[in-house]
Amino acid sequence: MMKVRIQPVTGFGKTAVFAGIRLMHYDLASKSASCTFNLYEEEGEYFTTKVVNLTAEELENWGTDDMVLIDAILDKEGFVRDTNWVQPTTTLPEPTTTTTAAPVPAEETTTTTTEAPGE
């Protein structure tokens, strides 16, 4: 899901400031798409969801830049993206490499007893 900050919109006693958009289906034949469009409050609390269908004409400029798709959805739904907001990137910690030597088995000792013949 792509998350973008939008200009605040208030309704039902809540103010949405983020939109989460997920491409659900892209039809190769008609070049149309359907996406879910979720709104969230500042603290990340879910606000509402809508399915948005886009035609080939609405997607004609979409290539490798997903912001074209995002802006097409926001425009269709009457929202404006906050172009000054940059989504924070998650920095994954470097894996720690600790090596532990495998336990060395204790030396085995064998005792052989030989009986004298006839005993």
N, C-alpha and C. Protein backbone atom coordinates (compact mmCIF):
# COMPACT_ATOMS: atom_id res chain seq x y z
N MET A 1 0.85 -1.16 0.00
CA MET A 1 0.00 0.00 0.00
C MET A 1 0.90 1.23 0.00
N MET A 2 0.52 2.19 -0.81
CA MET A 2 1.25 3.46 -0.87
C MET A 2 0.52 4.46 0.04
N LYS A 3 1.26 5.10 0.91
CA LYS A 3 0.69 6.06 1.84
C LYS A 3 1.15 7.45 1.44
N VAL A 4 0.18 8.39 1.35
CA VAL A 4 0.52 9.78 1.04
C VAL A 4 -0.22 10.70 1.99
N ARG A 5 0.37 11.85 2.22
CA ARG A 5 -0.29 12.86 3.05
C ARG A 5 -1.15 13.72 2.13
N ILE A 6 -2.35 14.02 2.60
CA ILE A 6 -3.27 14.85 1.83
C ILE A 6 -3.59 16.12 2.61
N GLN A 7 -4.14 17.11 1.92
CA GLN A 7 -4.62 18.27 2.63
C GLN A 7 -5.79 17.81 3.50
N PRO A 8 -5.86 18.26 4.75
CA PRO A 8 -6.86 17.76 5.70
C PRO A 8 -8.29 17.90 5.18
N VAL A 9 -9.07 16.85 5.44
CA VAL A 9 -10.48 16.82 5.09
C VAL A 9 -11.23 16.36 6.33
N THR A 10 -12.26 17.13 6.72
CA THR A 10 -13.01 16.80 7.92
C THR A 10 -14.41 16.33 7.56
N GLY A 11 -14.82 15.27 8.25
CA GLY A 11 -16.17 14.75 8.07
C GLY A 11 -16.47 13.75 9.17
N PHE A 12 -17.73 13.70 9.59
CA PHE A 12 -18.16 12.77 10.63
C PHE A 12 -17.34 12.93 11.91
N GLY A 13 -16.92 14.15 12.20
CA GLY A 13 -16.19 14.41 13.42
C GLY A 13 -14.74 13.97 13.40
N LYS A 14 -14.22 13.59 12.23
CA LYS A 14 -12.83 13.16 12.11
C LYS A 14 -12.16 13.97 11.02
N THR A 15 -10.83 14.08 11.11
CA THR A 15 -10.07 14.78 10.10
C THR A 15 -9.06 13.83 9.49
N ALA A 16 -9.22 13.57 8.21
CA ALA A 16 -8.29 12.69 7.50
C ALA A 16 -7.12 13.50 6.97
N VAL A 17 -5.90 12.97 7.18
CA VAL A 17 -4.71 13.64 6.68
C VAL A 17 -3.81 12.70 5.87
N PHE A 18 -4.14 11.42 5.87
CA PHE A 18 -3.38 10.45 5.09
C PHE A 18 -4.32 9.63 4.22
N ALA A 19 -3.83 9.25 3.05
CA ALA A 19 -4.56 8.33 2.18
C ALA A 19 -3.67 7.12 1.94
N GLY A 20 -4.27 5.96 2.03
CA GLY A 20 -3.57 4.72 1.71
C GLY A 20 -4.21 4.15 0.46
N ILE A 21 -3.41 3.90 -0.56
CA ILE A 21 -3.95 3.45 -1.84
C ILE A 21 -3.29 2.13 -2.22
N ARG A 22 -4.13 1.17 -2.59
CA ARG A 22 -3.64 -0.15 -2.97
C ARG A 22 -4.28 -0.54 -4.30
N LEU A 23 -3.44 -0.87 -5.27
CA LEU A 23 -3.93 -1.36 -6.56
C LEU A 23 -4.47 -2.76 -6.35
N MET A 24 -5.75 -2.95 -6.67
CA MET A 24 -6.38 -4.25 -6.47
C MET A 24 -6.43 -5.07 -7.75
N HIS A 25 -6.66 -4.39 -8.87
CA HIS A 25 -6.80 -5.11 -10.14
C HIS A 25 -6.42 -4.20 -11.30
N TYR A 26 -5.67 -4.75 -12.22
CA TYR A 26 -5.35 -4.03 -13.46
C TYR A 26 -5.73 -4.94 -14.62
N ASP A 27 -6.59 -4.45 -15.49
CA ASP A 27 -7.05 -5.23 -16.63
C ASP A 27 -6.19 -4.90 -17.84
N LEU A 28 -5.41 -5.88 -18.30
CA LEU A 28 -4.50 -5.66 -19.43
C LEU A 28 -5.25 -5.33 -20.71
N ALA A 29 -6.40 -5.96 -20.93
CA ALA A 29 -7.15 -5.75 -22.17
C ALA A 29 -7.70 -4.33 -22.26
N SER A 30 -8.35 -3.88 -21.20
CA SER A 30 -8.97 -2.54 -21.24
C SER A 30 -8.06 -1.45 -20.68
N LYS A 31 -6.94 -1.86 -20.07
CA LYS A 31 -5.99 -0.94 -19.42
C LYS A 31 -6.66 -0.08 -18.35
N SER A 32 -7.61 -0.68 -17.66
CA SER A 32 -8.29 0.00 -16.56
C SER A 32 -7.82 -0.62 -15.24
N ALA A 33 -8.10 0.07 -14.15
CA ALA A 33 -7.65 -0.41 -12.84
C ALA A 33 -8.69 -0.13 -11.79
N SER A 34 -8.65 -0.93 -10.72
CA SER A 34 -9.46 -0.64 -9.54
C SER A 34 -8.52 -0.65 -8.34
N CYS A 35 -8.76 0.29 -7.44
CA CYS A 35 -7.91 0.47 -6.27
C CYS A 35 -8.77 0.69 -5.05
N THR A 36 -8.23 0.34 -3.88
CA THR A 36 -8.89 0.73 -2.64
C THR A 36 -8.24 2.04 -2.18
N PHE A 37 -9.06 2.89 -1.66
CA PHE A 37 -8.65 4.22 -1.23
C PHE A 37 -9.08 4.36 0.22
N ASN A 38 -8.12 4.35 1.15
CA ASN A 38 -8.40 4.44 2.59
C ASN A 38 -7.98 5.80 3.11
N LEU A 39 -8.75 6.36 4.02
CA LEU A 39 -8.39 7.61 4.67
C LEU A 39 -8.07 7.33 6.13
N TYR A 40 -7.06 8.05 6.65
CA TYR A 40 -6.60 7.88 8.03
C TYR A 40 -6.41 9.22 8.70
N GLU A 41 -6.61 9.23 10.02
CA GLU A 41 -6.35 10.42 10.81
C GLU A 41 -4.85 10.54 11.08
N GLU A 42 -4.45 11.64 11.69
CA GLU A 42 -3.03 11.91 11.98
C GLU A 42 -2.37 10.77 12.75
N GLU A 43 -3.07 10.22 13.73
CA GLU A 43 -2.52 9.16 14.57
C GLU A 43 -2.53 7.80 13.88
N GLY A 44 -3.02 7.75 12.64
CA GLY A 44 -3.08 6.50 11.91
C GLY A 44 -4.38 5.75 12.07
N GLU A 45 -5.35 6.35 12.78
CA GLU A 45 -6.64 5.69 12.97
C GLU A 45 -7.42 5.70 11.66
N TYR A 46 -7.95 4.52 11.32
CA TYR A 46 -8.72 4.33 10.09
C TYR A 46 -9.95 5.23 10.08
N PHE A 47 -10.25 5.79 8.91
CA PHE A 47 -11.38 6.71 8.74
C PHE A 47 -12.46 6.08 7.86
N THR A 48 -12.14 5.74 6.63
CA THR A 48 -13.09 5.16 5.69
C THR A 48 -12.38 4.53 4.50
N THR A 49 -13.09 3.71 3.73
CA THR A 49 -12.54 3.07 2.54
C THR A 49 -13.51 3.23 1.38
N LYS A 50 -12.95 3.36 0.20
CA LYS A 50 -13.74 3.42 -1.02
C LYS A 50 -12.99 2.69 -2.12
N VAL A 51 -13.71 2.03 -3.01
CA VAL A 51 -13.10 1.42 -4.19
C VAL A 51 -13.20 2.44 -5.32
N VAL A 52 -12.07 2.68 -5.97
CA VAL A 52 -12.01 3.65 -7.06
C VAL A 52 -11.64 2.92 -8.34
N ASN A 53 -12.45 3.12 -9.39
CA ASN A 53 -12.18 2.53 -10.70
C ASN A 53 -11.64 3.60 -11.62
N LEU A 54 -10.56 3.28 -12.32
CA LEU A 54 -9.93 4.22 -13.24
C LEU A 54 -9.97 3.66 -14.66
N THR A 55 -10.26 4.53 -15.60
CA THR A 55 -10.33 4.13 -17.00
C THR A 55 -8.95 4.21 -17.64
N ALA A 56 -8.83 3.68 -18.85
CA ALA A 56 -7.57 3.75 -19.60
C ALA A 56 -7.16 5.20 -19.82
N GLU A 57 -8.14 6.08 -20.08
CA GLU A 57 -7.83 7.50 -20.30
C GLU A 57 -7.25 8.14 -19.04
N GLU A 58 -7.78 7.76 -17.88
CA GLU A 58 -7.28 8.32 -16.62
C GLU A 58 -5.89 7.80 -16.28
N LEU A 59 -5.53 6.65 -16.86
CA LEU A 59 -4.24 6.03 -16.57
C LEU A 59 -3.22 6.17 -17.70
N GLU A 60 -3.56 6.91 -18.75
CA GLU A 60 -2.70 6.94 -19.94
C GLU A 60 -1.28 7.44 -19.67
N ASN A 61 -1.07 8.26 -18.66
CA ASN A 61 0.27 8.77 -18.35
C ASN A 61 1.02 7.92 -17.33
N TRP A 62 0.36 6.88 -16.84
CA TRP A 62 0.98 6.04 -15.82
C TRP A 62 1.98 5.10 -16.48
N GLY A 63 3.21 5.19 -16.09
CA GLY A 63 4.26 4.31 -16.61
C GLY A 63 4.94 3.64 -15.44
N THR A 64 6.13 4.12 -15.11
CA THR A 64 6.86 3.55 -13.98
C THR A 64 6.73 4.42 -12.73
N ASP A 65 6.12 5.60 -12.85
CA ASP A 65 5.98 6.50 -11.71
C ASP A 65 4.61 6.29 -11.06
N ASP A 66 4.59 5.65 -9.90
CA ASP A 66 3.33 5.36 -9.22
C ASP A 66 2.63 6.61 -8.71
N MET A 67 3.34 7.72 -8.61
CA MET A 67 2.69 8.96 -8.17
C MET A 67 1.66 9.42 -9.20
N VAL A 68 1.83 9.04 -10.46
CA VAL A 68 0.83 9.35 -11.49
C VAL A 68 -0.48 8.66 -11.14
N LEU A 69 -0.40 7.39 -10.73
CA LEU A 69 -1.59 6.64 -10.31
C LEU A 69 -2.20 7.27 -9.07
N ILE A 70 -1.37 7.59 -8.09
CA ILE A 70 -1.85 8.19 -6.84
C ILE A 70 -2.57 9.50 -7.13
N ASP A 71 -1.94 10.36 -7.94
CA ASP A 71 -2.55 11.65 -8.25
C ASP A 71 -3.84 11.50 -9.04
N ALA A 72 -3.92 10.50 -9.92
CA ALA A 72 -5.15 10.26 -10.68
C ALA A 72 -6.30 9.89 -9.74
N ILE A 73 -6.02 9.06 -8.74
CA ILE A 73 -7.04 8.65 -7.77
C ILE A 73 -7.45 9.83 -6.91
N LEU A 74 -6.46 10.56 -6.38
CA LEU A 74 -6.77 11.71 -5.54
C LEU A 74 -7.58 12.75 -6.31
N ASP A 75 -7.20 13.01 -7.55
CA ASP A 75 -7.91 13.98 -8.38
C ASP A 75 -9.35 13.53 -8.61
N LYS A 76 -9.53 12.27 -8.95
CA LYS A 76 -10.87 11.74 -9.20
C LYS A 76 -11.76 11.86 -7.98
N GLU A 77 -11.18 11.68 -6.79
CA GLU A 77 -11.95 11.73 -5.55
C GLU A 77 -12.01 13.12 -4.92
N GLY A 78 -11.34 14.10 -5.52
CA GLY A 78 -11.41 15.47 -5.03
C GLY A 78 -10.46 15.78 -3.88
N PHE A 79 -9.36 15.04 -3.77
CA PHE A 79 -8.37 15.28 -2.73
C PHE A 79 -7.11 15.86 -3.34
N VAL A 80 -6.32 16.54 -2.50
CA VAL A 80 -5.07 17.14 -2.97
C VAL A 80 -3.92 16.58 -2.14
N ARG A 81 -2.91 16.08 -2.84
CA ARG A 81 -1.73 15.52 -2.16
C ARG A 81 -0.86 16.64 -1.62
N ASP A 82 -0.32 16.44 -0.42
CA ASP A 82 0.64 17.37 0.18
C ASP A 82 2.00 17.05 -0.43
N THR A 83 2.43 17.85 -1.41
CA THR A 83 3.67 17.56 -2.13
C THR A 83 4.92 17.85 -1.32
N ASN A 84 4.78 18.50 -0.16
CA ASN A 84 5.95 18.78 0.69
C ASN A 84 6.27 17.63 1.63
N TRP A 85 5.33 16.69 1.79
CA TRP A 85 5.51 15.59 2.72
C TRP A 85 6.31 14.48 2.05
N VAL A 86 7.28 13.98 2.78
CA VAL A 86 8.08 12.85 2.29
C VAL A 86 7.83 11.69 3.22
N GLN A 87 7.44 10.56 2.63
CA GLN A 87 7.17 9.39 3.46
C GLN A 87 8.45 8.93 4.12
N PRO A 88 8.42 8.74 5.45
CA PRO A 88 9.62 8.27 6.14
C PRO A 88 10.03 6.89 5.64
N THR A 89 11.31 6.71 5.52
CA THR A 89 11.79 5.40 5.11
C THR A 89 12.17 4.62 6.36
N THR A 90 11.94 3.36 6.29
CA THR A 90 12.28 2.49 7.40
C THR A 90 13.70 1.98 7.20
N THR A 91 14.53 2.23 8.17
CA THR A 91 15.90 1.74 8.11
C THR A 91 15.97 0.44 8.89
N LEU A 92 16.31 -0.59 8.18
CA LEU A 92 16.43 -1.89 8.83
C LEU A 92 17.80 -2.02 9.47
N PRO A 93 17.86 -2.57 10.67
CA PRO A 93 19.16 -2.72 11.32
C PRO A 93 20.01 -3.74 10.57
N GLU A 94 21.30 -3.51 10.61
CA GLU A 94 22.23 -4.46 10.00
C GLU A 94 22.22 -5.74 10.81
N PRO A 95 22.20 -6.88 10.14
CA PRO A 95 22.21 -8.13 10.90
C PRO A 95 23.53 -8.29 11.65
N THR A 96 23.44 -8.79 12.84
CA THR A 96 24.65 -9.03 13.61
C THR A 96 25.16 -10.42 13.26
N THR A 97 26.44 -10.50 13.10
CA THR A 97 27.02 -11.80 12.76
C THR A 97 27.81 -12.29 13.95
N THR A 98 27.27 -13.27 14.59
CA THR A 98 28.00 -13.90 15.69
C THR A 98 28.18 -15.36 15.31
N THR A 99 29.37 -15.78 15.42
CA THR A 99 29.62 -17.18 15.10
C THR A 99 29.95 -17.91 16.38
N THR A 100 29.34 -19.03 16.51
CA THR A 100 29.65 -19.87 17.67
C THR A 100 30.18 -21.18 17.11
N ALA A 101 31.25 -21.58 17.70
CA ALA A 101 31.87 -22.83 17.24
C ALA A 101 31.00 -24.00 17.66
N ALA A 102 30.92 -24.96 16.78
CA ALA A 102 30.17 -26.17 17.10
C ALA A 102 30.90 -26.91 18.21
N PRO A 103 30.16 -27.53 19.11
CA PRO A 103 30.83 -28.25 20.20
C PRO A 103 31.68 -29.40 19.64
N VAL A 104 32.85 -29.50 20.20
CA VAL A 104 33.76 -30.56 19.77
C VAL A 104 33.45 -31.80 20.59
N PRO A 105 33.15 -32.91 19.90
CA PRO A 105 32.84 -34.12 20.68
C PRO A 105 34.05 -34.59 21.48
N ALA A 106 33.79 -35.11 22.65
CA ALA A 106 34.88 -35.64 23.49
C ALA A 106 35.47 -36.85 22.80
N GLU A 107 36.75 -37.02 23.03
CA GLU A 107 37.40 -38.18 22.41
C GLU A 107 36.83 -39.45 22.98
N GLU A 108 36.58 -40.37 22.09
CA GLU A 108 36.04 -41.64 22.55
C GLU A 108 37.20 -42.57 22.88
N THR A 109 37.07 -43.26 23.95
CA THR A 109 38.10 -44.25 24.30
C THR A 109 37.47 -45.63 24.24
N THR A 110 38.18 -46.49 23.70
CA THR A 110 37.67 -47.86 23.58
C THR A 110 38.55 -48.78 24.40
N THR A 111 37.89 -49.61 25.12
CA THR A 111 38.62 -50.59 25.91
C THR A 111 38.34 -51.95 25.30
N THR A 112 39.39 -52.63 25.01
CA THR A 112 39.24 -53.96 24.44
C THR A 112 39.80 -54.97 25.43
N THR A 113 39.01 -55.94 25.72
CA THR A 113 39.50 -57.00 26.61
C THR A 113 39.61 -58.27 25.79
N THR A 114 40.66 -58.86 26.00
CA THR A 114 40.88 -60.12 25.28
C THR A 114 40.97 -61.24 26.31
N GLU A 115 40.21 -62.25 26.04
CA GLU A 115 40.28 -63.40 26.95
C GLU A 115 41.31 -64.37 26.40
N ALA A 116 42.02 -64.95 27.33
CA ALA A 116 43.01 -65.93 26.92
C ALA A 116 42.27 -67.20 26.46
N PRO A 117 42.79 -67.90 25.50
CA PRO A 117 42.10 -69.11 25.04
C PRO A 117 41.96 -70.11 26.19
N GLY A 118 40.78 -70.62 26.25
CA GLY A 118 40.49 -71.66 27.23
C GLY A 118 39.98 -71.10 28.51
N GLU A 119 39.91 -69.86 28.69
CA GLU A 119 39.40 -69.32 29.94
C GLU A 119 37.92 -69.19 29.88
